[in-house]
């Protein structure tokens, strides 16, 4: 990109305190590798100015849709990889056969960005193995751009058989085998996490390293990645309208896997948690105070095997604005119940009520049976809702009479 000022998304305020900031304060060397998406290169909101001693990856979320980019950022400088430029949203030319694999060769390069970034993961661990370090590896796989090494794709072509290509759809890049490629990217990430674990063992710090694997939302549903076909949100609905960009369980439930050598017993934790809990947890972990009050609670008691000391949320509250196909959602989780309001941007204010543990697919609306719970949830929405300064993110609520 010739004009870096056109690259990147809305920046954070200069005063923003991040996990990186707090871990630096606690004496950790901090690194981030992967996707940023919180400010372009000409803003003050880039990783090296937001609490990270080292950064390698994509600053721009749009650029991260291509796994064979022309460049990645090493700290604040571009590092060119030798890949050709690929225009996001390119379609296979009409005069080419969409079933001929040869016609898809232009949509891959020589350096696969997950490989380039993984090399930096191992380097960061090796360089900091003798001192406390904090690494955020915000991997970009899997996502809706279907690109992966050929041998991984072929493995799933052999398993799944032939499939319809996505050659001329809007959004990403043509792909001959979208399902096989999506599965290949998941396997590739699994392989890389396994390599990282082995590297931590090889350098002698695995037992002292807390590893957390999670996601930013539930799976997407598009022509490029077939969440419904894979049933990605199981045991919740995986169809379009129930996953990413919704507040259905398939959109907000996500994996959260934590290991700490032999210090954490294997098992399933049933605590209800969300991302605001991470700041409180990491501050507790690093023995430092929270910089300001937050909506999060520390999960450290549960991690360290002291669940009787674990604080718990009275409720959780979400808003999702009208964005792309979504028409706005509100949701409240309170104990075993979840309230859900859809089509908020169109004036929707009918709350559906589900007993989630018994009805994870949100199919049996109990709102008429528990009007007092519905009323309490609307009280929570009134107390928690605030207007967002960015009109794109703002949610205008039509309050029930």
Protein backbone atom coordinates (compact mmCIF):
# COMPACT_ATOMS: atom_id res chain seq x y z
CA UNK A 1 0.00 0.00 0.00
CA UNK A 2 1.49 3.30 -1.11
CA UNK A 3 -0.42 5.43 1.41
CA UNK A 4 -0.08 4.08 4.96
CA UNK A 5 -2.54 6.64 6.29
CA UNK A 6 -5.27 4.65 4.48
CA UNK A 7 -4.35 1.47 6.35
CA UNK A 8 -5.86 0.33 9.62
CA UNK A 9 -9.03 0.72 11.67
CA UNK A 10 -10.24 3.20 14.30
CA UNK A 11 -7.46 3.77 16.87
CA UNK A 12 -7.74 3.53 20.64
CA UNK A 13 -7.27 6.66 22.73
CA UNK A 14 -3.67 7.40 23.73
CA UNK A 15 -4.55 6.85 27.41
CA UNK A 16 -5.88 3.32 26.86
CA UNK A 17 -4.45 0.76 29.28
CA UNK A 18 -4.02 -2.67 27.70
CA UNK A 19 -3.02 -6.10 28.96
CA UNK A 20 0.40 -5.32 27.51
CA UNK A 21 0.63 -2.12 29.55
CA UNK A 22 -0.22 -3.94 32.75
CA UNK A 23 2.14 -6.84 32.15
CA UNK A 24 4.97 -4.40 31.41
CA UNK A 25 4.19 -2.74 34.73
CA UNK A 26 4.47 -6.14 36.42
CA UNK A 27 7.97 -6.64 34.97
CA UNK A 28 7.16 -8.86 31.99
CA UNK A 29 8.68 -8.55 28.54
CA UNK A 30 5.64 -8.26 26.29
CA UNK A 31 5.09 -9.36 22.72
CA UNK A 32 2.22 -9.56 20.29
CA UNK A 33 2.24 -11.58 17.07
CA UNK A 34 -0.69 -11.73 14.67
CA UNK A 35 -3.50 -9.29 13.91
CA UNK A 36 -3.91 -5.88 15.56
CA UNK A 37 -6.79 -3.99 13.88
CA UNK A 38 -6.88 -1.20 16.50
CA UNK A 39 -5.20 1.66 14.68
CA UNK A 40 -3.11 2.21 11.58
CA UNK A 41 0.62 2.92 11.23
CA UNK A 42 0.25 6.71 11.33
CA UNK A 43 -1.79 6.67 14.56
CA UNK A 44 -0.56 6.46 18.13
CA UNK A 45 -2.56 3.28 18.58
CA UNK A 46 -0.11 0.63 17.43
CA UNK A 47 1.19 -2.28 19.52
CA UNK A 48 4.61 -0.84 20.30
CA UNK A 49 2.93 2.27 21.74
CA UNK A 50 0.21 0.31 23.51
CA UNK A 51 2.18 -1.87 25.86
CA UNK A 52 4.08 -4.33 23.67
CA UNK A 53 7.87 -4.44 23.50
CA UNK A 54 7.75 -6.45 20.27
CA UNK A 55 5.20 -6.77 17.49
CA UNK A 56 5.05 -8.78 14.28
CA UNK A 57 2.02 -9.13 12.05
CA UNK A 58 -0.81 -7.21 10.43
CA UNK A 59 -1.74 -3.75 11.67
CA UNK A 60 -4.78 -3.60 9.39
CA UNK A 61 -7.68 -6.00 9.80
CA UNK A 62 -8.54 -5.79 6.09
CA UNK A 63 -4.98 -6.68 5.07
CA UNK A 64 -5.20 -9.70 7.38
CA UNK A 65 -7.83 -11.23 5.10
CA UNK A 66 -5.01 -12.32 2.78
CA UNK A 67 -2.69 -15.08 4.02
CA UNK A 68 -0.12 -14.30 1.35
CA UNK A 69 0.37 -10.55 2.01
CA UNK A 70 2.99 -8.37 0.42
CA UNK A 71 4.30 -7.39 3.84
CA UNK A 72 3.88 -7.71 7.59
CA UNK A 73 4.94 -5.21 10.25
CA UNK A 74 8.00 -5.83 12.40
CA UNK A 75 7.40 -3.36 15.20
CA UNK A 76 6.74 -0.14 13.24
CA UNK A 77 8.36 -1.04 9.91
CA UNK A 78 7.03 -3.04 6.99
CA UNK A 79 8.82 -6.30 6.22
CA UNK A 80 8.20 -7.34 2.62
CA UNK A 81 7.71 -11.07 2.05
CA UNK A 82 7.99 -11.35 -1.72
CA UNK A 83 4.33 -12.27 -2.29
CA UNK A 84 2.46 -10.69 -5.22
CA UNK A 85 -0.29 -8.17 -4.51
CA UNK A 86 -3.76 -9.75 -4.31
CA UNK A 87 -6.82 -7.52 -4.39
CA UNK A 88 -9.32 -8.61 -1.74
CA UNK A 89 -12.61 -9.52 -3.39
CA UNK A 90 -11.06 -10.68 -6.66
CA UNK A 91 -13.22 -13.15 -8.56
CA UNK A 92 -12.20 -15.92 -10.93
CA UNK A 93 -12.44 -14.54 -14.49
CA UNK A 94 -15.60 -15.62 -16.30
CA UNK A 95 -13.65 -17.25 -19.13
CA UNK A 96 -11.85 -19.68 -16.80
CA UNK A 97 -13.17 -23.10 -15.74
CA UNK A 98 -14.03 -22.91 -12.03
CA UNK A 99 -13.48 -26.68 -11.63
CA UNK A 100 -9.88 -26.63 -12.89
CA UNK A 101 -7.51 -26.37 -9.91
CA UNK A 102 -4.82 -24.80 -12.09
CA UNK A 103 -6.92 -21.63 -12.42
CA UNK A 104 -6.60 -21.00 -8.67
CA UNK A 105 -2.80 -20.77 -8.66
CA UNK A 106 -2.77 -16.94 -8.81
CA UNK A 107 -4.46 -16.81 -5.39
CA UNK A 108 -1.50 -18.04 -3.39
CA UNK A 109 2.04 -16.81 -2.89
CA UNK A 110 5.33 -18.19 -1.64
CA UNK A 111 5.29 -17.07 2.04
CA UNK A 112 2.26 -18.14 4.08
CA UNK A 113 1.80 -15.52 6.79
CA UNK A 114 0.93 -18.02 9.56
CA UNK A 115 4.36 -19.57 8.95
CA UNK A 116 6.15 -16.22 9.08
CA UNK A 117 4.35 -15.30 12.28
CA UNK A 118 4.88 -18.68 13.92
CA UNK A 119 8.65 -18.34 13.40
CA UNK A 120 8.46 -15.16 15.49
CA UNK A 121 6.52 -17.01 18.21
CA UNK A 122 9.40 -19.44 18.68
CA UNK A 123 11.96 -16.64 18.44
CA UNK A 124 10.21 -14.58 21.12
CA UNK A 125 10.02 -17.57 23.47
CA UNK A 126 13.69 -18.44 22.93
CA UNK A 127 14.87 -14.86 23.44
CA UNK A 128 12.88 -14.42 26.66
CA UNK A 129 12.99 -17.87 28.25
CA UNK A 130 15.19 -16.63 31.11
CA UNK A 131 12.84 -13.84 32.23
CA UNK A 132 9.07 -13.41 32.68
CA UNK A 133 7.33 -12.88 29.34
CA UNK A 134 3.79 -12.26 28.15
CA UNK A 135 2.94 -13.15 24.55
CA UNK A 136 -0.36 -12.50 22.76
CA UNK A 137 -0.46 -14.66 19.63
CA UNK A 138 -3.50 -13.33 17.77
CA UNK A 139 -3.42 -15.86 14.97
CA UNK A 140 -5.42 -15.09 11.85
CA UNK A 141 -6.45 -18.68 11.08
CA UNK A 142 -9.07 -19.77 10.43
CA UNK A 143 -11.02 -16.95 8.79
CA UNK A 144 -13.16 -16.51 5.70
CA UNK A 145 -10.32 -16.13 3.21
CA UNK A 146 -9.75 -19.77 2.23
CA UNK A 147 -5.99 -20.16 1.76
CA UNK A 148 -3.77 -22.94 3.09
CA UNK A 149 -0.75 -25.03 2.01
CA UNK A 150 -1.59 -27.54 -0.72
CA UNK A 151 -0.68 -30.69 1.20
CA UNK A 152 -3.04 -29.79 4.05
CA UNK A 153 -5.87 -29.06 1.62
CA UNK A 154 -5.33 -32.31 -0.27
CA UNK A 155 -5.54 -34.28 2.98
CA UNK A 156 -9.16 -33.11 3.38
CA UNK A 157 -10.02 -33.36 -0.31
CA UNK A 158 -9.16 -37.05 0.07
CA UNK A 159 -11.47 -37.25 3.10
CA UNK A 160 -14.40 -35.11 1.91
CA UNK A 161 -14.31 -35.84 -1.82
CA UNK A 162 -15.09 -33.29 -4.50
CA UNK A 163 -17.07 -30.16 -3.64
CA UNK A 164 -18.40 -27.06 -5.29
CA UNK A 165 -15.86 -24.23 -5.61
CA UNK A 166 -16.39 -20.66 -4.48
CA UNK A 167 -15.13 -18.86 -7.54
CA UNK A 168 -17.06 -15.63 -8.01
CA UNK A 169 -18.60 -14.74 -4.63
CA UNK A 170 -18.15 -11.31 -3.06
CA UNK A 171 -15.65 -10.72 -0.29
CA UNK A 172 -12.46 -12.78 -0.37
CA UNK A 173 -10.58 -14.93 -2.92
CA UNK A 174 -11.63 -17.75 -5.23
CA UNK A 175 -11.19 -21.20 -3.70
CA UNK A 176 -11.52 -24.57 -5.43
CA UNK A 177 -12.14 -26.58 -2.25
CA UNK A 178 -13.55 -24.23 0.44
CA UNK A 179 -14.53 -26.91 2.97
CA UNK A 180 -11.27 -28.80 2.65
CA UNK A 181 -9.34 -25.53 2.90
CA UNK A 182 -11.22 -24.41 6.01
CA UNK A 183 -10.48 -27.76 7.68
CA UNK A 184 -6.86 -27.46 6.55
CA UNK A 185 -6.48 -24.09 8.30
CA UNK A 186 -7.85 -25.51 11.54
CA UNK A 187 -5.43 -28.44 11.33
CA UNK A 188 -2.61 -26.02 10.58
CA UNK A 189 -3.36 -24.01 13.72
CA UNK A 190 -3.56 -27.22 15.74
CA UNK A 191 -0.16 -28.24 14.38
CA UNK A 192 1.36 -24.87 15.24
CA UNK A 193 0.04 -24.90 18.80
CA UNK A 194 1.54 -28.37 19.21
CA UNK A 195 4.88 -27.08 17.94
CA UNK A 196 4.74 -24.15 20.36
CA UNK A 197 4.06 -26.47 23.30
CA UNK A 198 7.00 -28.64 22.28
CA UNK A 199 9.23 -25.58 21.93
CA UNK A 200 8.30 -24.42 25.44
CA UNK A 201 9.32 -27.87 26.68
CA UNK A 202 12.55 -27.84 24.66
CA UNK A 203 13.67 -24.53 26.19
CA UNK A 204 12.65 -25.66 29.67
CA UNK A 205 9.80 -23.27 30.52
CA UNK A 206 6.64 -25.26 29.74
CA UNK A 207 5.78 -26.05 33.38
CA UNK A 208 6.08 -22.35 34.27
CA UNK A 209 4.00 -21.08 31.33
CA UNK A 210 0.26 -20.48 31.41
CA UNK A 211 -1.22 -21.08 27.94
CA UNK A 212 -4.72 -19.86 27.07
CA UNK A 213 -6.41 -20.71 23.77
CA UNK A 214 -9.66 -18.93 23.01
CA UNK A 215 -11.51 -17.04 20.26
CA UNK A 216 -13.02 -13.60 19.76
CA UNK A 217 -16.51 -14.84 18.81
CA UNK A 218 -18.35 -17.85 17.54
CA UNK A 219 -17.82 -19.18 14.01
CA UNK A 220 -18.85 -17.26 10.91
CA UNK A 221 -21.29 -18.47 8.30
CA UNK A 222 -20.62 -17.52 4.69
CA UNK A 223 -20.15 -18.97 1.24
CA UNK A 224 -16.48 -19.36 2.09
CA UNK A 225 -16.67 -21.25 5.40
CA UNK A 226 -19.47 -23.75 5.88
CA UNK A 227 -20.16 -23.55 9.62
CA UNK A 228 -23.48 -25.32 9.24
CA UNK A 229 -21.89 -28.15 7.24
CA UNK A 230 -19.21 -28.63 9.92
CA UNK A 231 -21.74 -27.95 12.74
CA UNK A 232 -19.12 -25.61 14.20
CA UNK A 233 -21.30 -24.26 17.01
CA UNK A 234 -22.41 -27.62 18.41
CA UNK A 235 -24.28 -28.04 20.77
CA UNK A 236 -25.79 -24.71 19.66
CA UNK A 237 -27.32 -23.83 16.31
CA UNK A 238 -24.69 -23.50 13.56
CA UNK A 239 -26.92 -22.11 10.80
CA UNK A 240 -26.77 -18.60 9.38
CA UNK A 241 -28.39 -16.18 11.81
CA UNK A 242 -27.20 -18.08 14.88
CA UNK A 243 -23.42 -17.58 14.79
CA UNK A 244 -21.01 -14.64 14.43
CA UNK A 245 -22.62 -11.18 14.53
CA UNK A 246 -25.49 -12.45 16.65
CA UNK A 247 -26.00 -12.78 20.40
CA UNK A 248 -27.32 -16.31 20.02
CA UNK A 249 -25.23 -18.85 21.92
CA UNK A 250 -23.49 -19.85 18.68
CA UNK A 251 -22.27 -16.28 18.32
CA UNK A 252 -21.04 -15.58 21.84
CA UNK A 253 -19.97 -19.00 23.18
CA UNK A 254 -16.36 -19.83 22.46
CA UNK A 255 -13.68 -22.28 23.55
CA UNK A 256 -11.51 -21.33 26.51
CA UNK A 257 -8.69 -23.79 27.16
CA UNK A 258 -6.06 -23.19 29.85
CA UNK A 259 -3.00 -25.23 30.73
CA UNK A 260 -0.21 -24.58 33.23
CA UNK A 261 2.18 -27.51 33.11
CA UNK A 262 1.22 -29.95 35.84
CA UNK A 263 -0.26 -27.22 38.08
CA UNK A 264 -3.81 -27.39 36.66
CA UNK A 265 -5.80 -30.59 36.94
CA UNK A 266 -7.56 -31.71 33.74
CA UNK A 267 -11.29 -31.13 33.75
CA UNK A 268 -14.16 -28.91 32.67
CA UNK A 269 -14.84 -25.59 34.41
CA UNK A 270 -18.46 -24.47 34.56
CA UNK A 271 -17.83 -20.88 35.67
CA UNK A 272 -19.53 -18.23 33.53
CA UNK A 273 -16.89 -15.81 32.27
CA UNK A 274 -16.32 -13.29 29.50
CA UNK A 275 -13.44 -11.25 28.08
CA UNK A 276 -13.64 -8.35 30.58
CA UNK A 277 -12.57 -10.93 33.17
CA UNK A 278 -9.17 -11.26 31.50
CA UNK A 279 -7.74 -7.94 32.73
CA UNK A 280 -8.69 -8.75 36.31
CA UNK A 281 -7.35 -12.29 35.98
CA UNK A 282 -3.99 -11.26 34.53
CA UNK A 283 -3.52 -8.51 37.11
CA UNK A 284 -4.24 -11.04 39.87
CA UNK A 285 -1.86 -13.49 38.21
CA UNK A 286 0.90 -10.87 38.06
CA UNK A 287 0.25 -9.62 41.63
CA UNK A 288 -0.62 -6.07 40.60
CA UNK A 289 -3.70 -3.93 41.19
CA UNK A 290 -6.28 -3.22 38.53
CA UNK A 291 -5.67 0.27 37.10
CA UNK A 292 -9.36 1.17 37.48
CA UNK A 293 -12.66 -0.57 38.31
CA UNK A 294 -13.88 -2.87 35.57
CA UNK A 295 -16.82 -5.18 34.89
CA UNK A 296 -14.45 -8.13 35.08
CA UNK A 297 -13.73 -10.52 37.92
CA UNK A 298 -10.54 -12.51 38.42
CA UNK A 299 -10.67 -16.22 37.58
CA UNK A 300 -7.40 -16.75 39.45
CA UNK A 301 -9.03 -18.63 42.37
CA UNK A 302 -10.47 -21.19 39.94
CA UNK A 303 -7.18 -21.49 38.03
CA UNK A 304 -5.25 -22.09 41.25
CA UNK A 305 -7.72 -24.65 42.56
CA UNK A 306 -9.52 -22.46 45.11
CA UNK A 307 -13.03 -22.28 43.63
CA UNK A 308 -14.68 -21.52 46.99
CA UNK A 309 -13.01 -18.10 46.84
CA UNK A 310 -14.22 -17.46 43.29
CA UNK A 311 -16.35 -14.31 42.83
CA UNK A 312 -19.22 -14.74 40.38
CA UNK A 313 -21.19 -12.45 38.10
CA UNK A 314 -24.74 -11.60 39.13
CA UNK A 315 -25.42 -11.11 35.41
CA UNK A 316 -23.75 -10.43 32.07
CA UNK A 317 -25.03 -7.93 29.49
CA UNK A 318 -24.31 -7.63 25.76
CA UNK A 319 -25.29 -5.27 22.98
CA UNK A 320 -24.62 -5.86 19.30
CA UNK A 321 -25.44 -3.00 16.90
CA UNK A 322 -26.98 -3.22 13.46
CA UNK A 323 -24.02 -4.40 11.39
CA UNK A 324 -24.11 -5.97 7.94
CA UNK A 325 -26.95 -8.53 8.04
CA UNK A 326 -27.54 -8.16 11.80
CA UNK A 327 -30.32 -5.78 12.84
CA UNK A 328 -29.19 -5.31 16.44
CA UNK A 329 -29.33 -7.53 19.51
CA UNK A 330 -29.51 -7.24 23.30
CA UNK A 331 -28.82 -10.14 25.66
CA UNK A 332 -28.71 -10.71 29.40
CA UNK A 333 -27.40 -13.83 31.13
CA UNK A 334 -28.58 -14.23 34.71
CA UNK A 335 -27.98 -17.58 36.37
CA UNK A 336 -29.56 -20.33 34.29
CA UNK A 337 -31.63 -17.87 32.24
CA UNK A 338 -30.78 -15.86 29.14
CA UNK A 339 -32.88 -13.04 27.75
CA UNK A 340 -32.54 -12.18 24.06
CA UNK A 341 -33.96 -9.21 22.10
CA UNK A 342 -33.63 -9.23 18.29
CA UNK A 343 -34.06 -6.63 15.53
CA UNK A 344 -33.39 -3.76 17.93
CA UNK A 345 -32.54 -1.38 15.08
CA UNK A 346 -36.04 -1.94 13.68
CA UNK A 347 -37.73 -1.23 17.00
CA UNK A 348 -37.76 -4.81 18.25
CA UNK A 349 -38.28 -5.02 22.03
CA UNK A 350 -39.81 -8.45 22.57
CA UNK A 351 -37.58 -10.37 24.96
CA UNK A 352 -37.25 -14.10 24.46
CA UNK A 353 -36.25 -16.08 27.54
CA UNK A 354 -34.38 -19.37 27.59
CA UNK A 355 -33.15 -21.74 30.26
CA UNK A 356 -29.80 -22.22 28.57
CA UNK A 357 -28.45 -25.29 30.35
CA UNK A 358 -31.60 -27.24 29.45
CA UNK A 359 -32.20 -25.56 26.09
CA UNK A 360 -28.79 -24.70 24.55
CA UNK A 361 -30.31 -24.28 21.07
CA UNK A 362 -32.65 -21.53 22.32
CA UNK A 363 -35.80 -23.14 20.94
CA UNK A 364 -38.27 -22.87 23.86
CA UNK A 365 -39.21 -19.30 24.77
CA UNK A 366 -40.22 -19.13 28.45
CA UNK A 367 -40.86 -15.37 28.62
CA UNK A 368 -44.60 -15.78 29.24
CA UNK A 369 -43.92 -18.18 32.13
CA UNK A 370 -41.42 -15.94 33.95
CA UNK A 371 -42.52 -12.30 33.49
CA UNK A 372 -40.70 -11.28 36.69
CA UNK A 373 -37.36 -12.46 35.24
CA UNK A 374 -38.05 -10.62 31.99
CA UNK A 375 -38.83 -7.47 33.99
CA UNK A 376 -35.60 -7.80 35.98
CA UNK A 377 -33.60 -8.21 32.77
CA UNK A 378 -35.08 -5.03 31.32
CA UNK A 379 -34.05 -3.26 34.54
CA UNK A 380 -30.50 -4.52 33.93
CA UNK A 381 -30.56 -3.24 30.35
CA UNK A 382 -31.74 0.20 31.53
CA UNK A 383 -28.99 0.40 34.12
CA UNK A 384 -26.20 -0.84 31.87
CA UNK A 385 -27.00 0.71 28.48
CA UNK A 386 -24.99 3.76 27.46
CA UNK A 387 -24.79 5.58 24.15
CA UNK A 388 -21.66 4.88 22.12
CA UNK A 389 -19.81 7.90 20.67
CA UNK A 390 -19.31 6.04 17.39
CA UNK A 391 -22.71 6.02 15.60
CA UNK A 392 -21.82 2.77 13.84
CA UNK A 393 -21.57 1.05 17.23
CA UNK A 394 -24.47 2.82 18.90
CA UNK A 395 -27.67 0.91 19.74
CA UNK A 396 -30.95 2.83 19.89
CA UNK A 397 -33.38 0.89 22.09
CA UNK A 398 -37.17 1.08 21.84
CA UNK A 399 -38.14 0.52 25.44
CA UNK A 400 -41.17 -1.69 26.20
CA UNK A 401 -44.17 0.06 27.75
